[in-house]
Amino acid sequence: MDGSHIRTLLLTFFYRQMPDIIERGHVYIAQPPLYKIKHGKEERYIKDDNELNAYLLRLAMEKAALVNPDGSEVAGDALTELARQYQLAEAVIGRLARIVDSDALRAIADGIELDLDSAAAAEASATALKAKLSLRLIYPRRPSVQARQQGAQESALTLSLCRIARSGLKGLLRSQGPARKTPQSGAHRSRQKTL
C-alpha cells in the first residue's frame, strides 16, 4: 500500500459514510512538497519541478550577466527572461521529440525557416536545414534532408529528414504543404513522424 492507495480508501470512506462533509467542502487532500532545498541558512520546500526550475533560475541569475561579442551586456530581468524562454523552448522540444526529430526542432528554434509554398522555397528550406544540422552533428547522426513533391499539385510539397539508425533507415520528420512556415513568418507548419 502506498499513500495514493490510502488516500483513495479514505476519500471513499468519507464519500460513502459522511457525504455531507464532502458536499460542504470540509475534506482536504494534503500533498507534501516534492523537494526540500537548503541555500545558506534558508530552507525551503518546493512542491513540483516547475517551482524548482523557477527557484534555481532565480538563484542562478543573482549577480549574473551575459556579455555579447560586441561588448554589450545582458543582465537582470532581461537575462532572467532569456533564460526562462530557453527553458520553455527545451521543455517544448522535449515533449515534441517523440514526434519530430529533436535536432531539427533545435535548428528551427535557432531561426531556420521552413517554407513549403513552392518547390524552390522547399528546396531552399531543405538546404538550409541540412547545412544547420551539418554544423551541429557528426556523420552518423547527420540526416539526409529532401524536399519532395507528392502528386501533381505544388501544394503537396513535403520535407523529409532521414538518418541511418542502427541498421536501417528511419524517417524522422515529414512536413507537408501548403503554406507551412515557421511561426516567425506568421503561418503554421505540420509535421509527422514516419517510419
Foldseek 3Di string as FASTA:
>chain_A
DDPVVVVVVVVVCCVVPPVPCVVVPNDDDDDFAPDWDDDPNDIDGHRDDVRVVLVVLVVVQVVDWDADPVGDIDHDPRVSVVVVVVVVLVVVLVVCCVWAPSLLSVVVVVPQKQAQQAPVSNQVSQVSSLVSQPVVDDPQPRWRWDWDADDDDSQFIWIWTWGDDDHHIFIGWIKGDDGDIRVVVPHHIDIGGDD
